[in-house]
Amino acid sequence: MSLSDLASLGSFISGVAVLVSLVFLYFQLRQVNAQVQQAEKNQQAAIQQATNHKRIDLLRDRSVNPLLGEAVTLALSRPNDVTFSQYLQFMNHNGALNALYEDTFYQHKNGLLSDDAFETRLVTLRATVSAPSFRVGWSLARRGYGRDYAEFIDDLIADTPVAAFDFLARFAEWKSNAASELAKATA
């Protein structure tokens, strides 16, 4: 075998090695891409879970703290009966709600929260901004938030009709429906 033949053989082997390396690199890149996609899904799930925990904590605070529950209920249904202390509790509760909503807004804006998850949060937010007490509270607290979020809430308020909260009527409806369901269960 001549030196020229050895050089050709070496060149061929080198080409095969490069081809094998490229095939191996292709499969590694596919694997890395799959891992990155899974990491993104895990991150979005963690973000949604953390947001849900914050929502649950706010709801629990209203139900286990009778003073806060009463302040929120009065502010939403009978604002003329609210004391100064209850006003402060309600405004602090609104501040916590806005912190949660602002976080959700920016997560969605930055692509960390899916459109479906954001739309689910908007259902609750629309109910919140329909309350006259929230709207008044927002007008007082608005300057404490970033321009994008403030404009988002302003637009949402403009597009959402005002709705009064009648907790006693809802309670009566709940009792009636619960009694009806109980009657079905015992029949």
Protein backbone atom coordinates (compact mmCIF):
# COMPACT_ATOMS: atom_id res chain seq x y z
CA MET A 1 0.00 0.00 0.00
CA SER A 2 1.44 3.31 -1.03
CA LEU A 3 1.60 6.48 0.97
CA SER A 4 -1.06 7.97 -1.28
CA ASP A 5 -3.39 5.04 -0.57
CA LEU A 6 -2.82 5.43 3.17
CA ALA A 7 -3.60 9.14 2.91
CA SER A 8 -6.83 8.37 1.02
CA LEU A 9 -7.79 5.74 3.58
CA GLY A 10 -7.04 8.16 6.43
CA SER A 11 -9.11 10.84 4.75
CA PHE A 12 -12.00 8.39 4.30
CA ILE A 13 -11.84 7.29 7.94
CA SER A 14 -11.67 10.91 9.02
CA GLY A 15 -14.79 11.70 6.95
CA VAL A 16 -16.65 8.74 8.49
CA ALA A 17 -15.61 9.92 11.96
CA VAL A 18 -16.90 13.42 11.24
CA LEU A 19 -20.18 11.96 9.95
CA VAL A 20 -20.56 9.77 13.07
CA SER A 21 -19.79 12.82 15.24
CA LEU A 22 -22.46 14.87 13.44
CA VAL A 23 -25.05 12.09 13.86
CA PHE A 24 -24.13 11.82 17.56
CA LEU A 25 -24.37 15.64 17.91
CA TYR A 26 -27.79 15.62 16.24
CA PHE A 27 -29.13 13.11 18.78
CA GLN A 28 -27.57 15.02 21.68
CA LEU A 29 -29.18 18.27 20.51
CA ARG A 30 -32.57 16.55 20.26
CA GLN A 31 -32.16 15.23 23.78
CA VAL A 32 -31.11 18.63 25.15
CA ASN A 33 -34.07 20.26 23.38
CA ALA A 34 -36.47 17.74 24.95
CA GLN A 35 -34.93 18.40 28.38
CA VAL A 36 -35.28 22.17 27.94
CA GLN A 37 -38.94 21.79 26.92
CA GLN A 38 -39.61 19.61 29.95
CA ALA A 39 -37.84 22.09 32.23
CA GLU A 40 -40.04 24.89 30.83
CA LYS A 41 -43.18 22.82 31.51
CA ASN A 42 -41.98 22.11 35.04
CA GLN A 43 -41.27 25.80 35.61
CA GLN A 44 -44.74 26.80 34.38
CA ALA A 45 -46.33 24.17 36.61
CA ALA A 46 -44.35 25.46 39.61
CA ILE A 47 -45.40 29.04 38.85
CA GLN A 48 -49.07 28.04 38.57
CA GLN A 49 -48.84 26.07 41.79
CA ALA A 50 -47.26 28.99 43.65
CA THR A 51 -49.92 31.37 42.34
CA ASN A 52 -52.67 29.00 43.42
CA HIS A 53 -51.15 28.75 46.90
CA LYS A 54 -51.16 32.54 47.15
CA ARG A 55 -54.84 32.64 46.11
CA ILE A 56 -55.69 29.94 48.64
CA ASP A 57 -53.85 31.83 51.38
CA LEU A 58 -55.84 35.00 50.63
CA LEU A 59 -59.12 33.10 50.70
CA ARG A 60 -58.13 31.31 53.90
CA ASP A 61 -57.18 34.61 55.54
CA ARG A 62 -60.69 35.93 54.89
CA SER A 63 -62.34 32.83 56.25
CA VAL A 64 -60.20 32.12 59.34
CA ASN A 65 -59.78 35.75 60.37
CA PRO A 66 -63.30 36.85 61.28
CA LEU A 67 -62.29 40.51 61.49
CA LEU A 68 -60.90 40.51 57.96
CA GLY A 69 -63.85 38.50 56.67
CA GLU A 70 -66.26 40.99 58.17
CA ALA A 71 -64.30 43.96 56.83
CA VAL A 72 -64.25 42.55 53.29
CA THR A 73 -67.92 41.55 53.43
CA LEU A 74 -68.98 44.99 54.67
CA ALA A 75 -66.76 46.83 52.19
CA LEU A 76 -68.25 44.85 49.32
CA SER A 77 -71.89 44.87 50.39
CA ARG A 78 -72.42 47.81 52.78
CA PRO A 79 -69.51 50.27 52.44
CA ASN A 80 -71.33 52.95 54.46
CA ASP A 81 -71.10 50.68 57.52
CA VAL A 82 -67.30 50.23 57.30
CA THR A 83 -65.21 51.58 60.19
CA PHE A 84 -61.77 53.11 59.68
CA SER A 85 -60.11 49.94 60.96
CA GLN A 86 -62.16 47.81 58.55
CA TYR A 87 -61.28 50.21 55.72
CA LEU A 88 -57.59 49.63 56.44
CA GLN A 89 -58.11 45.86 56.52
CA PHE A 90 -60.01 45.98 53.23
CA MET A 91 -57.37 48.16 51.55
CA ASN A 92 -54.58 45.86 52.76
CA HIS A 93 -56.53 42.88 51.45
CA ASN A 94 -56.92 44.69 48.11
CA GLY A 95 -53.18 45.35 48.14
CA ALA A 96 -52.54 41.63 48.56
CA LEU A 97 -54.98 40.85 45.73
CA ASN A 98 -53.30 43.38 43.48
CA ALA A 99 -49.87 41.96 44.27
CA LEU A 100 -51.16 38.54 43.22
CA TYR A 101 -52.85 39.87 40.08
CA GLU A 102 -49.81 41.97 39.15
CA ASP A 103 -47.55 38.93 39.51
CA THR A 104 -49.92 36.90 37.32
CA PHE A 105 -50.10 39.71 34.74
CA TYR A 106 -46.32 39.95 34.38
CA GLN A 107 -45.86 36.16 34.34
CA HIS A 108 -48.26 36.00 31.40
CA LYS A 109 -46.69 38.98 29.69
CA ASN A 110 -43.25 37.34 29.98
CA GLY A 111 -44.51 34.02 28.62
CA LEU A 112 -44.27 32.16 31.92
CA LEU A 113 -48.02 31.62 32.25
CA SER A 114 -50.08 30.07 29.45
CA ASP A 115 -53.02 31.86 27.85
CA ASP A 116 -55.40 29.25 29.29
CA ALA A 117 -54.10 29.69 32.83
CA PHE A 118 -54.21 33.48 32.48
CA GLU A 119 -57.79 33.36 31.17
CA THR A 120 -58.77 31.32 34.24
CA ARG A 121 -57.26 34.01 36.50
CA LEU A 122 -59.12 36.70 34.54
CA VAL A 123 -62.46 35.18 35.53
CA THR A 124 -61.71 35.91 39.18
CA LEU A 125 -60.15 39.26 38.39
CA ARG A 126 -63.22 40.40 36.42
CA ALA A 127 -65.43 39.52 39.38
CA THR A 128 -63.08 41.47 41.64
CA VAL A 129 -62.98 44.62 39.48
CA SER A 130 -66.78 44.59 39.19
CA ALA A 131 -67.04 45.49 42.89
CA PRO A 132 -67.53 49.22 43.54
CA SER A 133 -65.35 49.03 46.66
CA PHE A 134 -62.46 47.50 44.72
CA ARG A 135 -62.76 50.19 42.04
CA VAL A 136 -62.59 52.97 44.60
CA GLY A 137 -59.70 51.22 46.35
CA TRP A 138 -57.91 50.85 43.01
CA SER A 139 -58.27 54.55 42.25
CA LEU A 140 -56.53 55.29 45.56
CA ALA A 141 -53.78 52.67 45.18
CA ARG A 142 -53.19 52.87 41.39
CA ARG A 143 -50.13 55.09 41.54
CA GLY A 144 -48.27 52.37 43.46
CA TYR A 145 -48.15 50.07 40.43
CA GLY A 146 -46.25 49.95 37.16
CA ARG A 147 -47.72 51.60 34.07
CA ASP A 148 -48.44 48.35 32.18
CA TYR A 149 -50.30 46.72 35.04
CA ALA A 150 -52.14 49.94 35.93
CA GLU A 151 -53.34 50.36 32.34
CA PHE A 152 -54.36 46.70 32.22
CA ILE A 153 -56.52 47.09 35.35
CA ASP A 154 -57.92 50.42 34.11
CA ASP A 155 -58.95 48.77 30.82
CA LEU A 156 -60.43 45.78 32.64
CA ILE A 157 -62.46 48.08 34.90
CA ALA A 158 -63.68 50.04 31.86
CA ASP A 159 -64.79 46.81 30.14
CA THR A 160 -66.41 45.22 33.23
CA PRO A 161 -69.85 46.32 34.44
CA VAL A 162 -70.21 47.31 38.07
CA ALA A 163 -71.91 44.63 40.17
CA ALA A 164 -73.13 44.83 43.72
CA PHE A 165 -72.42 41.92 46.04
CA ASP A 166 -75.47 40.67 47.90
CA PHE A 167 -73.99 38.09 50.25
CA LEU A 168 -77.28 37.48 52.06
CA ALA A 169 -79.06 36.65 48.78
CA ARG A 170 -76.23 34.30 47.80
CA PHE A 171 -76.35 32.69 51.23
CA ALA A 172 -80.10 32.14 50.93
CA GLU A 173 -79.63 30.68 47.43
CA TRP A 174 -76.90 28.37 48.72
CA LYS A 175 -79.09 27.16 51.58
CA SER A 176 -82.01 26.50 49.25
CA ASN A 177 -79.86 24.64 46.71
CA ALA A 178 -78.11 22.64 49.42
CA ALA A 179 -81.46 21.59 50.89
CA SER A 180 -82.64 20.54 47.44
CA GLU A 181 -79.50 18.46 46.85
CA LEU A 182 -79.81 16.90 50.30
CA ALA A 183 -83.40 15.93 49.55
CA LYS A 184 -82.20 14.15 46.39
CA ALA A 185 -79.61 12.25 48.40
CA THR A 186 -82.06 11.04 51.02
CA ALA A 187 -84.87 10.23 48.58
